[in-house]
Amino acid sequence: MYNFLIYLIVLALTIWAMESVNLNSIFKKNRMYQARVLYILIVLGIAYLASSFIINFLTSLK
């Protein structure tokens, strides 16, 4: 149960942190759809890696 809660908290923190990154300057004009898809993939990837690290760290402490 706490795994799901950790995933949600880390996902919210990742979205909040990624708001400060300007990915639009990297992409060509009129490529907003691709930029948003990449943004979502980056957020999900970072959230998964960070939450997996936290869960593994907590289980190793037990």
N, C-alpha and C. Protein backbone atom coordinates (compact mmCIF):
# COMPACT_ATOMS: atom_id res chain seq x y z
N MET A 1 0.82 -1.20 0.00
CA MET A 1 0.00 0.00 0.00
C MET A 1 0.87 1.26 0.00
N TYR A 2 1.93 1.24 0.80
CA TYR A 2 2.77 2.44 0.84
C TYR A 2 3.55 2.64 -0.46
N ASN A 3 3.72 1.59 -1.25
CA ASN A 3 4.39 1.73 -2.55
C ASN A 3 3.62 2.69 -3.45
N PHE A 4 2.30 2.51 -3.53
CA PHE A 4 1.47 3.36 -4.36
C PHE A 4 1.52 4.80 -3.87
N LEU A 5 1.51 5.00 -2.57
CA LEU A 5 1.59 6.35 -2.01
C LEU A 5 2.93 7.00 -2.33
N ILE A 6 4.00 6.24 -2.25
CA ILE A 6 5.32 6.76 -2.60
C ILE A 6 5.38 7.14 -4.07
N TYR A 7 4.81 6.29 -4.94
CA TYR A 7 4.78 6.60 -6.37
C TYR A 7 4.04 7.90 -6.64
N LEU A 8 2.91 8.10 -5.99
CA LEU A 8 2.13 9.32 -6.21
C LEU A 8 2.85 10.56 -5.70
N ILE A 9 3.46 10.47 -4.54
CA ILE A 9 4.18 11.61 -3.98
C ILE A 9 5.37 11.98 -4.85
N VAL A 10 6.13 10.98 -5.28
CA VAL A 10 7.30 11.24 -6.12
C VAL A 10 6.88 11.75 -7.49
N LEU A 11 5.78 11.25 -8.02
CA LEU A 11 5.27 11.75 -9.30
C LEU A 11 4.89 13.22 -9.20
N ALA A 12 4.22 13.60 -8.12
CA ALA A 12 3.86 15.01 -7.93
C ALA A 12 5.10 15.88 -7.77
N LEU A 13 6.08 15.40 -7.03
CA LEU A 13 7.32 16.16 -6.86
C LEU A 13 8.09 16.29 -8.18
N THR A 14 8.07 15.25 -8.98
CA THR A 14 8.76 15.28 -10.27
C THR A 14 8.09 16.27 -11.22
N ILE A 15 6.77 16.26 -11.25
CA ILE A 15 6.05 17.23 -12.10
C ILE A 15 6.34 18.64 -11.64
N TRP A 16 6.35 18.85 -10.33
CA TRP A 16 6.63 20.18 -9.78
C TRP A 16 8.05 20.63 -10.14
N ALA A 17 9.00 19.71 -10.05
CA ALA A 17 10.39 20.06 -10.36
C ALA A 17 10.60 20.28 -11.85
N MET A 18 9.93 19.51 -12.69
CA MET A 18 10.11 19.64 -14.13
C MET A 18 9.47 20.90 -14.71
N GLU A 19 8.61 21.55 -13.95
CA GLU A 19 8.01 22.79 -14.42
C GLU A 19 9.05 23.89 -14.60
N SER A 20 10.18 23.76 -13.95
CA SER A 20 11.22 24.78 -14.05
C SER A 20 12.10 24.60 -15.29
N VAL A 21 11.96 23.46 -15.98
CA VAL A 21 12.78 23.18 -17.15
C VAL A 21 12.04 23.64 -18.41
N ASN A 22 12.73 24.37 -19.25
CA ASN A 22 12.13 24.87 -20.50
C ASN A 22 12.57 23.96 -21.65
N LEU A 23 11.74 22.96 -21.93
CA LEU A 23 12.05 22.04 -23.02
C LEU A 23 11.66 22.61 -24.38
N ASN A 24 10.84 23.64 -24.40
CA ASN A 24 10.38 24.19 -25.67
C ASN A 24 11.51 24.81 -26.47
N SER A 25 12.53 25.29 -25.81
CA SER A 25 13.63 25.91 -26.53
C SER A 25 14.49 24.88 -27.27
N ILE A 26 14.37 23.61 -26.92
CA ILE A 26 15.14 22.56 -27.55
C ILE A 26 14.50 22.11 -28.87
N PHE A 27 13.19 22.19 -28.95
CA PHE A 27 12.46 21.65 -30.09
C PHE A 27 12.28 22.67 -31.20
N LYS A 28 11.99 22.16 -32.38
CA LYS A 28 11.71 23.00 -33.53
C LYS A 28 10.33 23.64 -33.37
N LYS A 29 10.04 24.62 -34.21
CA LYS A 29 8.73 25.25 -34.19
C LYS A 29 7.65 24.24 -34.57
N ASN A 30 6.48 24.44 -34.04
CA ASN A 30 5.30 23.62 -34.32
C ASN A 30 5.49 22.15 -33.97
N ARG A 31 6.30 21.87 -32.99
CA ARG A 31 6.51 20.50 -32.51
C ARG A 31 6.10 20.38 -31.04
N MET A 32 5.01 21.04 -30.69
CA MET A 32 4.57 21.06 -29.29
C MET A 32 4.09 19.67 -28.84
N TYR A 33 3.46 18.93 -29.75
CA TYR A 33 2.95 17.61 -29.38
C TYR A 33 4.10 16.68 -29.00
N GLN A 34 5.16 16.69 -29.79
CA GLN A 34 6.32 15.85 -29.49
C GLN A 34 7.00 16.30 -28.20
N ALA A 35 7.03 17.61 -27.96
CA ALA A 35 7.64 18.12 -26.74
C ALA A 35 6.85 17.68 -25.51
N ARG A 36 5.54 17.69 -25.60
CA ARG A 36 4.71 17.26 -24.47
C ARG A 36 4.85 15.77 -24.22
N VAL A 37 4.92 14.98 -25.28
CA VAL A 37 5.09 13.53 -25.11
C VAL A 37 6.43 13.24 -24.44
N LEU A 38 7.49 13.92 -24.89
CA LEU A 38 8.79 13.73 -24.26
C LEU A 38 8.78 14.18 -22.81
N TYR A 39 8.11 15.26 -22.52
CA TYR A 39 7.98 15.76 -21.14
C TYR A 39 7.32 14.70 -20.26
N ILE A 40 6.23 14.11 -20.75
CA ILE A 40 5.52 13.09 -19.98
C ILE A 40 6.41 11.87 -19.76
N LEU A 41 7.13 11.44 -20.80
CA LEU A 41 8.01 10.28 -20.67
C LEU A 41 9.15 10.54 -19.69
N ILE A 42 9.70 11.74 -19.73
CA ILE A 42 10.78 12.09 -18.80
C ILE A 42 10.26 12.10 -17.37
N VAL A 43 9.08 12.70 -17.16
CA VAL A 43 8.50 12.76 -15.81
C VAL A 43 8.22 11.36 -15.28
N LEU A 44 7.62 10.51 -16.11
CA LEU A 44 7.32 9.15 -15.66
C LEU A 44 8.60 8.35 -15.38
N GLY A 45 9.61 8.53 -16.22
CA GLY A 45 10.86 7.82 -16.01
C GLY A 45 11.57 8.23 -14.74
N ILE A 46 11.66 9.53 -14.51
CA ILE A 46 12.32 10.01 -13.30
C ILE A 46 11.53 9.61 -12.06
N ALA A 47 10.20 9.70 -12.13
CA ALA A 47 9.37 9.33 -10.99
C ALA A 47 9.52 7.84 -10.67
N TYR A 48 9.56 7.01 -11.71
CA TYR A 48 9.72 5.57 -11.48
C TYR A 48 11.07 5.26 -10.86
N LEU A 49 12.13 5.85 -11.40
CA LEU A 49 13.46 5.58 -10.85
C LEU A 49 13.60 6.08 -9.42
N ALA A 50 13.10 7.27 -9.15
CA ALA A 50 13.23 7.83 -7.80
C ALA A 50 12.40 7.04 -6.80
N SER A 51 11.17 6.69 -7.16
CA SER A 51 10.33 5.94 -6.22
C SER A 51 10.85 4.53 -6.02
N SER A 52 11.39 3.91 -7.05
CA SER A 52 11.99 2.59 -6.88
C SER A 52 13.19 2.66 -5.95
N PHE A 53 13.97 3.71 -6.08
CA PHE A 53 15.11 3.88 -5.18
C PHE A 53 14.63 4.04 -3.73
N ILE A 54 13.62 4.85 -3.52
CA ILE A 54 13.11 5.07 -2.16
C ILE A 54 12.55 3.79 -1.58
N ILE A 55 11.77 3.05 -2.38
CA ILE A 55 11.18 1.80 -1.89
C ILE A 55 12.27 0.78 -1.56
N ASN A 56 13.26 0.65 -2.44
CA ASN A 56 14.37 -0.28 -2.16
C ASN A 56 15.17 0.14 -0.95
N PHE A 57 15.35 1.43 -0.77
CA PHE A 57 16.07 1.93 0.39
C PHE A 57 15.29 1.62 1.67
N LEU A 58 13.99 1.84 1.65
CA LEU A 58 13.17 1.58 2.84
C LEU A 58 13.11 0.10 3.17
N THR A 59 13.04 -0.75 2.15
CA THR A 59 13.00 -2.19 2.42
C THR A 59 14.35 -2.70 2.92
N SER A 60 15.44 -2.07 2.51
CA SER A 60 16.75 -2.53 2.99
C SER A 60 17.00 -2.09 4.44
N LEU A 61 16.28 -1.07 4.89
CA LEU A 61 16.43 -0.64 6.27
C LEU A 61 15.74 -1.58 7.26
N LYS A 62 14.77 -2.34 6.78
CA LYS A 62 14.02 -3.22 7.66
C LYS A 62 14.83 -4.43 8.09
